[in-house]
Amino acid sequence: VTSSSTTVGGVCTGLGIPPTKIDK
């Protein structure tokens, strides 16, 4: 595998966007 979170959870941790702001 790679060494980072490549899931939708990685969007939250990698940009500081909360799940409630993910529209699609």
PDB file of all heavy atoms in Angstrom:
ATOM      1  N   VAL A   1       0.855  -1.188   0.000  1.00  0.00           N
ATOM      2  CA  VAL A   1       0.000   0.000   0.000  1.00  0.00           C
ATOM      3  C   VAL A   1       0.891   1.238   0.000  1.00  0.00           C
ATOM      4  O   VAL A   1       2.106   1.155   0.097  1.00  0.00           O
ATOM      5  CB  VAL A   1      -0.931   0.019   1.234  1.00  0.00           C
ATOM      6  CG1 VAL A   1      -1.947  -1.118   1.170  1.00  0.00           C
ATOM      7  CG2 VAL A   1      -0.118  -0.070   2.543  1.00  0.00           C
ATOM      8  N   THR A   2       0.253   2.393  -0.083  1.00  0.00           N
ATOM      9  CA  THR A   2       0.981   3.644   0.088  1.00  0.00           C
ATOM     10  C   THR A   2       1.011   3.984   1.577  1.00  0.00           C
ATOM     11  O   THR A   2       0.586   3.183   2.418  1.00  0.00           O
ATOM     12  CB  THR A   2       0.361   4.759  -0.770  1.00  0.00           C
ATOM     13  OG1 THR A   2       1.235   5.888  -0.798  1.00  0.00           O
ATOM     14  CG2 THR A   2      -1.014   5.182  -0.266  1.00  0.00           C
ATOM     15  N   SER A   3       1.496   5.160   1.923  1.00  0.00           N
ATOM     16  CA  SER A   3       1.705   5.486   3.343  1.00  0.00           C
ATOM     17  C   SER A   3       0.735   6.532   3.873  1.00  0.00           C
ATOM     18  O   SER A   3       0.937   7.071   4.953  1.00  0.00           O
ATOM     19  CB  SER A   3       3.150   5.984   3.533  1.00  0.00           C
ATOM     20  OG  SER A   3       4.063   5.003   3.124  1.00  0.00           O
ATOM     21  N   SER A   4      -0.316   6.812   3.127  1.00  0.00           N
ATOM     22  CA  SER A   4      -1.265   7.848   3.544  1.00  0.00           C
ATOM     23  C   SER A   4      -2.686   7.303   3.479  1.00  0.00           C
ATOM     24  O   SER A   4      -2.923   6.182   3.026  1.00  0.00           O
ATOM     25  CB  SER A   4      -1.134   9.076   2.635  1.00  0.00           C
ATOM     26  OG  SER A   4      -1.363   8.716   1.286  1.00  0.00           O
ATOM     27  N   SER A   5      -3.613   8.117   3.928  1.00  0.00           N
ATOM     28  CA  SER A   5      -5.035   7.753   3.882  1.00  0.00           C
ATOM     29  C   SER A   5      -5.605   8.161   2.537  1.00  0.00           C
ATOM     30  O   SER A   5      -5.743   9.350   2.248  1.00  0.00           O
ATOM     31  CB  SER A   5      -5.798   8.439   5.012  1.00  0.00           C
ATOM     32  OG  SER A   5      -7.175   8.146   4.910  1.00  0.00           O
ATOM     33  N   THR A   6      -5.924   7.173   1.719  1.00  0.00           N
ATOM     34  CA  THR A   6      -6.439   7.449   0.367  1.00  0.00           C
ATOM     35  C   THR A   6      -7.953   7.340   0.296  1.00  0.00           C
ATOM     36  O   THR A   6      -8.535   7.352  -0.784  1.00  0.00           O
ATOM     37  CB  THR A   6      -5.813   6.470  -0.641  1.00  0.00           C
ATOM     38  OG1 THR A   6      -6.202   5.129  -0.288  1.00  0.00           O
ATOM     39  CG2 THR A   6      -4.301   6.567  -0.631  1.00  0.00           C
ATOM     40  N   THR A   7      -8.600   7.239   1.452  1.00  0.00           N
ATOM     41  CA  THR A   7     -10.058   7.147   1.512  1.00  0.00           C
ATOM     42  C   THR A   7     -10.675   8.534   1.649  1.00  0.00           C
ATOM     43  O   THR A   7      -9.982   9.544   1.768  1.00  0.00           O
ATOM     44  CB  THR A   7     -10.503   6.305   2.716  1.00  0.00           C
ATOM     45  OG1 THR A   7     -10.135   7.011   3.916  1.00  0.00           O
ATOM     46  CG2 THR A   7      -9.838   4.943   2.717  1.00  0.00           C
ATOM     47  N   VAL A   8     -12.004   8.565   1.718  1.00  0.00           N
ATOM     48  CA  VAL A   8     -12.695   9.835   1.922  1.00  0.00           C
ATOM     49  C   VAL A   8     -12.309  10.432   3.281  1.00  0.00           C
ATOM     50  O   VAL A   8     -12.342  11.656   3.460  1.00  0.00           O
ATOM     51  CB  VAL A   8     -14.223   9.649   1.782  1.00  0.00           C
ATOM     52  CG1 VAL A   8     -14.809   8.836   2.938  1.00  0.00           C
ATOM     53  CG2 VAL A   8     -14.940  10.975   1.630  1.00  0.00           C
ATOM     54  N   GLY A   9     -11.907   9.574   4.228  1.00  0.00           N
ATOM     55  CA  GLY A   9     -11.433  10.079   5.516  1.00  0.00           C
ATOM     56  C   GLY A   9     -10.182  10.920   5.367  1.00  0.00           C
ATOM     57  O   GLY A   9      -9.948  11.858   6.135  1.00  0.00           O
ATOM     58  N   GLY A  10      -9.354  10.600   4.356  1.00  0.00           N
ATOM     59  CA  GLY A  10      -8.146  11.369   4.099  1.00  0.00           C
ATOM     60  C   GLY A  10      -8.426  12.775   3.616  1.00  0.00           C
ATOM     61  O   GLY A  10      -7.573  13.664   3.728  1.00  0.00           O
ATOM     62  N   VAL A  11      -9.617  12.999   3.096  1.00  0.00           N
ATOM     63  CA  VAL A  11     -10.022  14.351   2.690  1.00  0.00           C
ATOM     64  C   VAL A  11     -10.182  15.224   3.934  1.00  0.00           C
ATOM     65  O   VAL A  11      -9.755  16.377   3.966  1.00  0.00           O
ATOM     66  CB  VAL A  11     -11.339  14.311   1.890  1.00  0.00           C
ATOM     67  CG1 VAL A  11     -11.819  15.720   1.548  1.00  0.00           C
ATOM     68  CG2 VAL A  11     -11.163  13.488   0.622  1.00  0.00           C
ATOM     69  N   CYS A  12     -10.769  14.635   4.974  1.00  0.00           N
ATOM     70  CA  CYS A  12     -10.982  15.379   6.215  1.00  0.00           C
ATOM     71  C   CYS A  12      -9.650  15.688   6.903  1.00  0.00           C
ATOM     72  O   CYS A  12      -9.412  16.821   7.320  1.00  0.00           O
ATOM     73  CB  CYS A  12     -11.884  14.583   7.153  1.00  0.00           C
ATOM     74  SG  CYS A  12     -13.517  14.199   6.463  1.00  0.00           S
ATOM     75  N   THR A  13      -8.778  14.677   7.003  1.00  0.00           N
ATOM     76  CA  THR A  13      -7.515  14.880   7.709  1.00  0.00           C
ATOM     77  C   THR A  13      -6.484  15.625   6.864  1.00  0.00           C
ATOM     78  O   THR A  13      -5.604  16.287   7.400  1.00  0.00           O
ATOM     79  CB  THR A  13      -6.922  13.532   8.160  1.00  0.00           C
ATOM     80  OG1 THR A  13      -6.726  12.693   7.015  1.00  0.00           O
ATOM     81  CG2 THR A  13      -7.834  12.836   9.141  1.00  0.00           C
ATOM     82  N   GLY A  14      -6.599  15.504   5.549  1.00  0.00           N
ATOM     83  CA  GLY A  14      -5.595  16.096   4.672  1.00  0.00           C
ATOM     84  C   GLY A  14      -5.887  17.509   4.226  1.00  0.00           C
ATOM     85  O   GLY A  14      -5.018  18.174   3.645  1.00  0.00           O
ATOM     86  N   LEU A  15      -7.103  17.995   4.507  1.00  0.00           N
ATOM     87  CA  LEU A  15      -7.460  19.371   4.139  1.00  0.00           C
ATOM     88  C   LEU A  15      -8.152  20.121   5.267  1.00  0.00           C
ATOM     89  O   LEU A  15      -8.350  21.329   5.167  1.00  0.00           O
ATOM     90  CB  LEU A  15      -8.374  19.376   2.903  1.00  0.00           C
ATOM     91  CG  LEU A  15      -7.707  19.111   1.558  1.00  0.00           C
ATOM     92  CD1 LEU A  15      -8.747  18.832   0.489  1.00  0.00           C
ATOM     93  CD2 LEU A  15      -6.828  20.291   1.138  1.00  0.00           C
ATOM     94  N   GLY A  16      -8.546  19.394   6.311  1.00  0.00           N
ATOM     95  CA  GLY A  16      -9.275  20.049   7.398  1.00  0.00           C
ATOM     96  C   GLY A  16     -10.714  20.340   7.036  1.00  0.00           C
ATOM     97  O   GLY A  16     -11.332  21.245   7.610  1.00  0.00           O
ATOM     98  N   ILE A  17     -11.278  19.568   6.097  1.00  0.00           N
ATOM     99  CA  ILE A  17     -12.690  19.715   5.726  1.00  0.00           C
ATOM    100  C   ILE A  17     -13.511  18.739   6.557  1.00  0.00           C
ATOM    101  O   ILE A  17     -13.236  17.534   6.541  1.00  0.00           O
ATOM    102  CB  ILE A  17     -12.902  19.427   4.224  1.00  0.00           C
ATOM    103  CG1 ILE A  17     -12.168  20.453   3.364  1.00  0.00           C
ATOM    104  CG2 ILE A  17     -14.388  19.409   3.877  1.00  0.00           C
ATOM    105  CD1 ILE A  17     -12.271  20.179   1.862  1.00  0.00           C
ATOM    106  N   PRO A  18     -14.521  19.192   7.291  1.00  0.00           N
ATOM    107  CA  PRO A  18     -15.344  18.256   8.066  1.00  0.00           C
ATOM    108  C   PRO A  18     -16.256  17.435   7.149  1.00  0.00           C
ATOM    109  O   PRO A  18     -16.582  17.868   6.040  1.00  0.00           O
ATOM    110  CB  PRO A  18     -16.160  19.176   8.977  1.00  0.00           C
ATOM    111  CG  PRO A  18     -16.209  20.486   8.262  1.00  0.00           C
ATOM    112  CD  PRO A  18     -14.936  20.594   7.487  1.00  0.00           C
ATOM    113  N   PRO A  19     -16.667  16.231   7.600  1.00  0.00           N
ATOM    114  CA  PRO A  19     -17.537  15.387   6.769  1.00  0.00           C
ATOM    115  C   PRO A  19     -18.816  16.082   6.322  1.00  0.00           C
ATOM    116  O   PRO A  19     -19.318  15.822   5.230  1.00  0.00           O
ATOM    117  CB  PRO A  19     -17.846  14.197   7.684  1.00  0.00           C
ATOM    118  CG  PRO A  19     -16.757  14.173   8.687  1.00  0.00           C
ATOM    119  CD  PRO A  19     -16.331  15.597   8.878  1.00  0.00           C
ATOM    120  N   THR A  20     -19.330  16.979   7.162  1.00  0.00           N
ATOM    121  CA  THR A  20     -20.587  17.658   6.840  1.00  0.00           C
ATOM    122  C   THR A  20     -20.458  18.603   5.646  1.00  0.00           C
ATOM    123  O   THR A  20     -21.461  19.043   5.090  1.00  0.00           O
ATOM    124  CB  THR A  20     -21.080  18.454   8.056  1.00  0.00           C
ATOM    125  OG1 THR A  20     -20.007  19.282   8.549  1.00  0.00           O
ATOM    126  CG2 THR A  20     -21.531  17.521   9.168  1.00  0.00           C
ATOM    127  N   LYS A  21     -19.222  18.925   5.259  1.00  0.00           N
ATOM    128  CA  LYS A  21     -19.003  19.825   4.126  1.00  0.00           C
ATOM    129  C   LYS A  21     -18.715  19.064   2.827  1.00  0.00           C
ATOM    130  O   LYS A  21     -18.491  19.676   1.781  1.00  0.00           O
ATOM    131  CB  LYS A  21     -17.840  20.782   4.415  1.00  0.00           C
ATOM    132  CG  LYS A  21     -18.137  21.799   5.518  1.00  0.00           C
ATOM    133  CD  LYS A  21     -19.225  22.767   5.095  1.00  0.00           C
ATOM    134  CE  LYS A  21     -19.455  23.836   6.156  1.00  0.00           C
ATOM    135  NZ  LYS A  21     -20.555  24.774   5.766  1.00  0.00           N
ATOM    136  N   ILE A  22     -18.708  17.721   2.902  1.00  0.00           N
ATOM    137  CA  ILE A  22     -18.502  16.921   1.691  1.00  0.00           C
ATOM    138  C   ILE A  22     -19.856  16.642   1.067  1.00  0.00           C
ATOM    139  O   ILE A  22     -20.712  15.967   1.650  1.00  0.00           O
ATOM    140  CB  ILE A  22     -17.750  15.616   2.001  1.00  0.00           C
ATOM    141  CG1 ILE A  22     -16.346  15.943   2.516  1.00  0.00           C
ATOM    142  CG2 ILE A  22     -17.663  14.733   0.755  1.00  0.00           C
ATOM    143  CD1 ILE A  22     -15.548  14.745   2.980  1.00  0.00           C
ATOM    144  N   ASP A  23     -20.048  17.182  -0.108  1.00  0.00           N
ATOM    145  CA  ASP A  23     -21.343  17.152  -0.767  1.00  0.00           C
ATOM    146  C   ASP A  23     -21.528  15.916  -1.639  1.00  0.00           C
ATOM    147  O   ASP A  23     -22.618  15.365  -1.738  1.00  0.00           O
ATOM    148  CB  ASP A  23     -21.486  18.421  -1.625  1.00  0.00           C
ATOM    149  CG  ASP A  23     -22.845  18.554  -2.259  1.00  0.00           C
ATOM    150  OD1 ASP A  23     -23.827  18.628  -1.507  1.00  0.00           O
ATOM    151  OD2 ASP A  23     -22.935  18.574  -3.499  1.00  0.00           O
ATOM    152  N   LYS A  24     -20.437  15.470  -2.268  1.00  0.00           N
ATOM    153  CA  LYS A  24     -20.540  14.380  -3.237  1.00  0.00           C
ATOM    154  C   LYS A  24     -19.200  13.662  -3.320  1.00  0.00           C
ATOM    155  O   LYS A  24     -18.144  14.293  -3.287  1.00  0.00           O
ATOM    156  CB  LYS A  24     -20.928  14.950  -4.611  1.00  0.00           C
ATOM    157  CG  LYS A  24     -21.193  13.922  -5.696  1.00  0.00           C
ATOM    158  CD  LYS A  24     -21.702  14.621  -6.963  1.00  0.00           C
ATOM    159  CE  LYS A  24     -22.067  13.615  -8.037  1.00  0.00           C
ATOM    160  NZ  LYS A  24     -22.604  14.275  -9.256  1.00  0.00           N
TER     161      LYS A  24
END
